[in-house]
Amino acid sequence: PFVKYIQIGTPVHPMMDKARLSARVDKVHSAEGLQMPFTGKGVVVGIIDGGFDYTHPAFIDDATGDLRIKRVWEQGSTKGAVPAAFGYGVELTSEEAILAAGADVSTQSHGTHVAAMAAGAFHTEDNPYYGIATDADIVLVSKGAITANSANISDAIAYIYNYADSVGKPCVINMSLG
């Protein structure tokens, strides 16, 4: 008498390729109806989250093989260079340091998922699941193991804006904080 509804399990499929179609991303990338294409080139995409795999193929430039992640601030880490403007955490500022670190935490992957949707570039004939701003530079701020609070979040926003200002580019920030 307490059961209101029963549903048989149905198949599920990845749909990021359908999301791109629905949002007309490919038309924007090809400049259909626009004066120029928009692919994120000349823009910084900042992600405040946790669970980043810095070595993921989505963050590698398809044409050059270079890492598109330009800066990482691991707010909860204590082993490495502290960002001077903030005095806590660890800042990774070179491709070598970022790739050597590999990831911020090993127990989750949410940040990788979010960053890849926003700016992932790994597009091949076999992989229709790639991001929106495929040519953008990426800046990641990892909450890591710390409990985020409004001060950490404000610092993270300032960190991303500071980097974007230092390279003369506009930025957009995603915060998937629940």
C-alpha atoms as a PDB file:
ATOM      1  CA  PRO A   1       0.000   0.000   0.000  1.00  0.00           C
ATOM      2  CA  PHE A   2       2.991   2.369   0.426  1.00  0.00           C
ATOM      3  CA  VAL A   3       4.370   1.849  -3.095  1.00  0.00           C
ATOM      4  CA  LYS A   4       3.375   4.732  -5.348  1.00  0.00           C
ATOM      5  CA  TYR A   5       5.343   3.872  -8.487  1.00  0.00           C
ATOM      6  CA  ILE A   6       7.560   1.139  -9.900  1.00  0.00           C
ATOM      7  CA  GLN A   7       9.776   1.550 -12.944  1.00  0.00           C
ATOM      8  CA  ILE A   8      11.722  -1.090 -14.800  1.00  0.00           C
ATOM      9  CA  GLY A   9      15.398  -0.280 -15.305  1.00  0.00           C
ATOM     10  CA  THR A  10      16.069   1.339 -18.667  1.00  0.00           C
ATOM     11  CA  PRO A  11      19.360   1.712 -20.534  1.00  0.00           C
ATOM     12  CA  VAL A  12      21.344   4.914 -20.017  1.00  0.00           C
ATOM     13  CA  HIS A  13      23.942   6.395 -22.358  1.00  0.00           C
ATOM     14  CA  PRO A  14      26.467   9.251 -22.252  1.00  0.00           C
ATOM     15  CA  MET A  15      24.859  12.306 -23.824  1.00  0.00           C
ATOM     16  CA  MET A  16      27.497  15.039 -23.873  1.00  0.00           C
ATOM     17  CA  ASP A  17      27.491  14.830 -27.670  1.00  0.00           C
ATOM     18  CA  LYS A  18      23.741  15.557 -27.609  1.00  0.00           C
ATOM     19  CA  ALA A  19      24.241  18.448 -25.159  1.00  0.00           C
ATOM     20  CA  ARG A  20      26.631  20.115 -27.611  1.00  0.00           C
ATOM     21  CA  LEU A  21      24.010  19.807 -30.360  1.00  0.00           C
ATOM     22  CA  SER A  22      21.222  21.112 -28.136  1.00  0.00           C
ATOM     23  CA  ALA A  23      23.292  24.120 -27.018  1.00  0.00           C
ATOM     24  CA  ARG A  24      24.465  24.733 -30.631  1.00  0.00           C
ATOM     25  CA  VAL A  25      28.106  24.619 -29.560  1.00  0.00           C
ATOM     26  CA  ASP A  26      29.303  23.301 -32.914  1.00  0.00           C
ATOM     27  CA  LYS A  27      27.590  26.217 -34.679  1.00  0.00           C
ATOM     28  CA  VAL A  28      29.340  28.685 -32.371  1.00  0.00           C
ATOM     29  CA  HIS A  29      32.688  26.908 -32.925  1.00  0.00           C
ATOM     30  CA  SER A  30      32.223  27.119 -36.714  1.00  0.00           C
ATOM     31  CA  ALA A  31      30.950  30.748 -36.614  1.00  0.00           C
ATOM     32  CA  GLU A  32      27.611  29.868 -38.197  1.00  0.00           C
ATOM     33  CA  GLY A  33      25.666  33.136 -38.162  1.00  0.00           C
ATOM     34  CA  LEU A  34      28.520  34.868 -36.326  1.00  0.00           C
ATOM     35  CA  GLN A  35      31.362  37.118 -37.420  1.00  0.00           C
ATOM     36  CA  MET A  36      33.962  34.762 -35.968  1.00  0.00           C
ATOM     37  CA  PRO A  37      34.156  31.388 -34.197  1.00  0.00           C
ATOM     38  CA  PHE A  38      34.141  31.236 -30.414  1.00  0.00           C
ATOM     39  CA  THR A  39      36.121  28.328 -28.952  1.00  0.00           C
ATOM     40  CA  GLY A  40      37.493  29.853 -25.766  1.00  0.00           C
ATOM     41  CA  LYS A  41      40.664  31.107 -27.471  1.00  0.00           C
ATOM     42  CA  GLY A  42      42.043  34.061 -25.526  1.00  0.00           C
ATOM     43  CA  VAL A  43      39.953  33.267 -22.437  1.00  0.00           C
ATOM     44  CA  VAL A  44      40.778  31.744 -19.046  1.00  0.00           C
ATOM     45  CA  VAL A  45      38.361  29.167 -17.633  1.00  0.00           C
ATOM     46  CA  GLY A  46      38.730  28.835 -13.872  1.00  0.00           C
ATOM     47  CA  ILE A  47      37.318  25.866 -11.977  1.00  0.00           C
ATOM     48  CA  ILE A  48      36.934  25.779  -8.177  1.00  0.00           C
ATOM     49  CA  ASP A  49      36.312  22.178  -7.168  1.00  0.00           C
ATOM     50  CA  GLY A  50      38.205  19.066  -6.111  1.00  0.00           C
ATOM     51  CA  GLY A  51      39.187  15.775  -7.688  1.00  0.00           C
ATOM     52  CA  PHE A  52      41.322  17.001 -10.579  1.00  0.00           C
ATOM     53  CA  ASP A  53      43.417  14.682 -12.745  1.00  0.00           C
ATOM     54  CA  TYR A  54      45.910  17.137 -14.223  1.00  0.00           C
ATOM     55  CA  THR A  55      47.124  14.541 -16.746  1.00  0.00           C
ATOM     56  CA  HIS A  56      43.711  13.842 -18.285  1.00  0.00           C
ATOM     57  CA  PRO A  57      43.731  13.998 -22.130  1.00  0.00           C
ATOM     58  CA  ALA A  58      40.945  16.618 -22.023  1.00  0.00           C
ATOM     59  CA  PHE A  59      43.485  19.163 -20.775  1.00  0.00           C
ATOM     60  CA  ILE A  60      46.054  18.618 -23.520  1.00  0.00           C
ATOM     61  CA  ASP A  61      46.069  20.846 -26.606  1.00  0.00           C
ATOM     62  CA  ASP A  62      45.143  18.550 -29.510  1.00  0.00           C
ATOM     63  CA  ALA A  63      47.393  20.408 -31.958  1.00  0.00           C
ATOM     64  CA  THR A  64      50.537  21.002 -29.880  1.00  0.00           C
ATOM     65  CA  GLY A  65      50.417  18.396 -27.134  1.00  0.00           C
ATOM     66  CA  ASP A  66      50.909  21.159 -24.536  1.00  0.00           C
ATOM     67  CA  LEU A  67      49.097  21.177 -21.232  1.00  0.00           C
ATOM     68  CA  ARG A  68      46.298  23.768 -21.227  1.00  0.00           C
ATOM     69  CA  ILE A  69      46.252  23.986 -17.423  1.00  0.00           C
ATOM     70  CA  LYS A  70      48.289  27.107 -16.703  1.00  0.00           C
ATOM     71  CA  ARG A  71      48.028  27.318 -12.920  1.00  0.00           C
ATOM     72  CA  VAL A  72      46.882  25.141 -10.051  1.00  0.00           C
ATOM     73  CA  TRP A  73      46.300  26.197  -6.467  1.00  0.00           C
ATOM     74  CA  GLU A  74      45.782  23.294  -4.087  1.00  0.00           C
ATOM     75  CA  GLN A  75      44.330  25.128  -1.102  1.00  0.00           C
ATOM     76  CA  GLY A  76      44.530  22.149   1.250  1.00  0.00           C
ATOM     77  CA  SER A  77      48.073  21.053   0.435  1.00  0.00           C
ATOM     78  CA  THR A  78      51.123  21.854   2.543  1.00  0.00           C
ATOM     79  CA  LYS A  79      54.014  20.486   0.466  1.00  0.00           C
ATOM     80  CA  GLY A  80      55.321  23.017  -2.026  1.00  0.00           C
ATOM     81  CA  ALA A  81      55.432  26.699  -2.917  1.00  0.00           C
ATOM     82  CA  VAL A  82      52.774  28.797  -1.217  1.00  0.00           C
ATOM     83  CA  PRO A  83      51.055  31.424  -3.394  1.00  0.00           C
ATOM     84  CA  ALA A  84      52.486  34.709  -2.106  1.00  0.00           C
ATOM     85  CA  ALA A  85      49.214  36.616  -2.273  1.00  0.00           C
ATOM     86  CA  PHE A  86      47.378  34.153  -0.045  1.00  0.00           C
ATOM     87  CA  GLY A  87      49.844  32.448   2.306  1.00  0.00           C
ATOM     88  CA  TYR A  88      48.405  28.947   2.354  1.00  0.00           C
ATOM     89  CA  GLY A  89      48.150  25.908   0.121  1.00  0.00           C
ATOM     90  CA  VAL A  90      50.463  25.031  -2.747  1.00  0.00           C
ATOM     91  CA  GLU A  91      50.730  26.724  -6.133  1.00  0.00           C
ATOM     92  CA  LEU A  92      51.842  24.881  -9.256  1.00  0.00           C
ATOM     93  CA  THR A  93      52.958  27.304 -11.969  1.00  0.00           C
ATOM     94  CA  SER A  94      54.694  25.244 -14.651  1.00  0.00           C
ATOM     95  CA  GLU A  95      53.615  22.417 -16.919  1.00  0.00           C
ATOM     96  CA  GLU A  96      56.329  20.225 -15.412  1.00  0.00           C
ATOM     97  CA  ALA A  97      55.186  20.841 -11.824  1.00  0.00           C
ATOM     98  CA  ILE A  98      51.516  20.321 -12.685  1.00  0.00           C
ATOM     99  CA  LEU A  99      52.158  17.066 -14.542  1.00  0.00           C
ATOM    100  CA  ALA A 100      54.519  15.839 -11.799  1.00  0.00           C
ATOM    101  CA  ALA A 101      51.795  16.406  -9.187  1.00  0.00           C
ATOM    102  CA  GLY A 102      49.372  14.374 -11.322  1.00  0.00           C
ATOM    103  CA  ALA A 103      46.256  15.042  -9.264  1.00  0.00           C
ATOM    104  CA  ASP A 104      45.068  16.911  -6.212  1.00  0.00           C
ATOM    105  CA  VAL A 105      43.374  13.954  -4.495  1.00  0.00           C
ATOM    106  CA  SER A 106      43.049  10.289  -5.398  1.00  0.00           C
ATOM    107  CA  THR A 107      39.605   9.672  -3.960  1.00  0.00           C
ATOM    108  CA  GLN A 108      37.347  11.599  -6.331  1.00  0.00           C
ATOM    109  CA  SER A 109      37.098  12.913  -9.890  1.00  0.00           C
ATOM    110  CA  HIS A 110      34.351  15.538  -9.834  1.00  0.00           C
ATOM    111  CA  GLY A 111      36.684  18.417 -10.696  1.00  0.00           C
ATOM    112  CA  THR A 112      38.016  16.599 -13.756  1.00  0.00           C
ATOM    113  CA  HIS A 113      34.458  15.969 -14.944  1.00  0.00           C
ATOM    114  CA  VAL A 114      33.422  19.608 -14.491  1.00  0.00           C
ATOM    115  CA  ALA A 115      36.595  21.058 -16.046  1.00  0.00           C
ATOM    116  CA  ALA A 116      36.356  18.680 -19.017  1.00  0.00           C
ATOM    117  CA  MET A 117      32.746  19.724 -19.689  1.00  0.00           C
ATOM    118  CA  ALA A 118      33.683  23.403 -19.528  1.00  0.00           C
ATOM    119  CA  ALA A 119      37.006  23.325 -21.373  1.00  0.00           C
ATOM    120  CA  GLY A 120      37.971  19.782 -22.334  1.00  0.00           C
ATOM    121  CA  ALA A 121      39.505  19.408 -25.770  1.00  0.00           C
ATOM    122  CA  PHE A 122      40.068  15.683 -26.386  1.00  0.00           C
ATOM    123  CA  HIS A 123      38.078  15.475 -29.630  1.00  0.00           C
ATOM    124  CA  THR A 124      38.646  12.543 -31.922  1.00  0.00           C
ATOM    125  CA  GLU A 125      36.462  10.658 -34.351  1.00  0.00           C
ATOM    126  CA  ASP A 126      35.989   8.026 -31.638  1.00  0.00           C
ATOM    127  CA  ASN A 127      35.304  10.571 -28.874  1.00  0.00           C
ATOM    128  CA  PRO A 128      32.360  12.939 -29.396  1.00  0.00           C
ATOM    129  CA  TYR A 129      32.397  13.825 -25.670  1.00  0.00           C
ATOM    130  CA  TYR A 130      34.415  16.991 -25.252  1.00  0.00           C
ATOM    131  CA  GLY A 131      33.948  20.409 -23.710  1.00  0.00           C
ATOM    132  CA  ILE A 132      32.732  23.805 -24.751  1.00  0.00           C
ATOM    133  CA  ALA A 133      35.735  26.175 -24.514  1.00  0.00           C
ATOM    134  CA  THR A 134      38.192  23.815 -26.198  1.00  0.00           C
ATOM    135  CA  ASP A 135      40.857  26.477 -26.786  1.00  0.00           C
ATOM    136  CA  ALA A 136      40.709  28.231 -23.402  1.00  0.00           C
ATOM    137  CA  ASP A 137      43.522  28.329 -20.866  1.00  0.00           C
ATOM    138  CA  ILE A 138      42.588  26.554 -17.641  1.00  0.00           C
ATOM    139  CA  VAL A 139      43.218  27.548 -14.022  1.00  0.00           C
ATOM    140  CA  LEU A 140      42.235  25.081 -11.305  1.00  0.00           C
ATOM    141  CA  VAL A 141      41.718  25.759  -7.618  1.00  0.00           C
ATOM    142  CA  SER A 142      41.401  22.597  -5.582  1.00  0.00           C
ATOM    143  CA  LYS A 143      39.620  22.630  -2.268  1.00  0.00           C
ATOM    144  CA  GLY A 144      41.313  19.296  -1.682  1.00  0.00           C
ATOM    145  CA  ALA A 145      40.797  17.894   1.770  1.00  0.00           C
ATOM    146  CA  ILE A 146      39.901  21.212   3.417  1.00  0.00           C
ATOM    147  CA  THR A 147      36.349  22.163   4.194  1.00  0.00           C
ATOM    148  CA  ALA A 148      35.649  25.109   1.933  1.00  0.00           C
ATOM    149  CA  ASN A 149      34.343  28.278   3.491  1.00  0.00           C
ATOM    150  CA  SER A 150      33.466  31.677   2.100  1.00  0.00           C
ATOM    151  CA  ALA A 151      37.021  32.993   2.693  1.00  0.00           C
ATOM    152  CA  ASN A 152      38.592  30.086   0.735  1.00  0.00           C
ATOM    153  CA  ILE A 153      36.100  30.598  -2.072  1.00  0.00           C
ATOM    154  CA  SER A 154      36.730  34.362  -2.187  1.00  0.00           C
ATOM    155  CA  ASP A 155      40.476  33.680  -2.286  1.00  0.00           C
ATOM    156  CA  ALA A 156      39.983  31.158  -5.096  1.00  0.00           C
ATOM    157  CA  ILE A 157      38.021  33.678  -7.158  1.00  0.00           C
ATOM    158  CA  ALA A 158      40.687  36.335  -6.578  1.00  0.00           C
ATOM    159  CA  TYR A 159      43.422  33.847  -7.530  1.00  0.00           C
ATOM    160  CA  ILE A 160      41.783  33.093 -10.875  1.00  0.00           C
ATOM    161  CA  TYR A 161      41.096  36.769 -11.619  1.00  0.00           C
ATOM    162  CA  ASN A 162      44.680  37.664 -10.670  1.00  0.00           C
ATOM    163  CA  TYR A 163      46.047  35.121 -13.137  1.00  0.00           C
ATOM    164  CA  ALA A 164      43.688  36.256 -15.911  1.00  0.00           C
ATOM    165  CA  ASP A 165      44.675  39.888 -15.309  1.00  0.00           C
ATOM    166  CA  SER A 166      48.376  38.969 -15.368  1.00  0.00           C
ATOM    167  CA  VAL A 167      48.018  37.495 -18.871  1.00  0.00           C
ATOM    168  CA  GLY A 168      45.553  40.132 -20.107  1.00  0.00           C
ATOM    169  CA  LYS A 169      42.652  37.745 -20.714  1.00  0.00           C
ATOM    170  CA  PRO A 170      39.031  37.703 -19.591  1.00  0.00           C
ATOM    171  CA  CYS A 171      37.938  34.786 -17.447  1.00  0.00           C
ATOM    172  CA  VAL A 172      34.902  32.808 -16.502  1.00  0.00           C
ATOM    173  CA  ILE A 173      34.695  30.789 -13.271  1.00  0.00           C
ATOM    174  CA  ASN A 174      32.747  27.646 -12.462  1.00  0.00           C
ATOM    175  CA  MET A 175      32.104  26.705  -8.846  1.00  0.00           C
ATOM    176  CA  SER A 176      30.383  23.353  -8.408  1.00  0.00           C
ATOM    177  CA  LEU A 177      30.076  23.564  -4.680  1.00  0.00           C
ATOM    178  CA  GLY A 178      26.756  21.819  -4.155  1.00  0.00           C
END
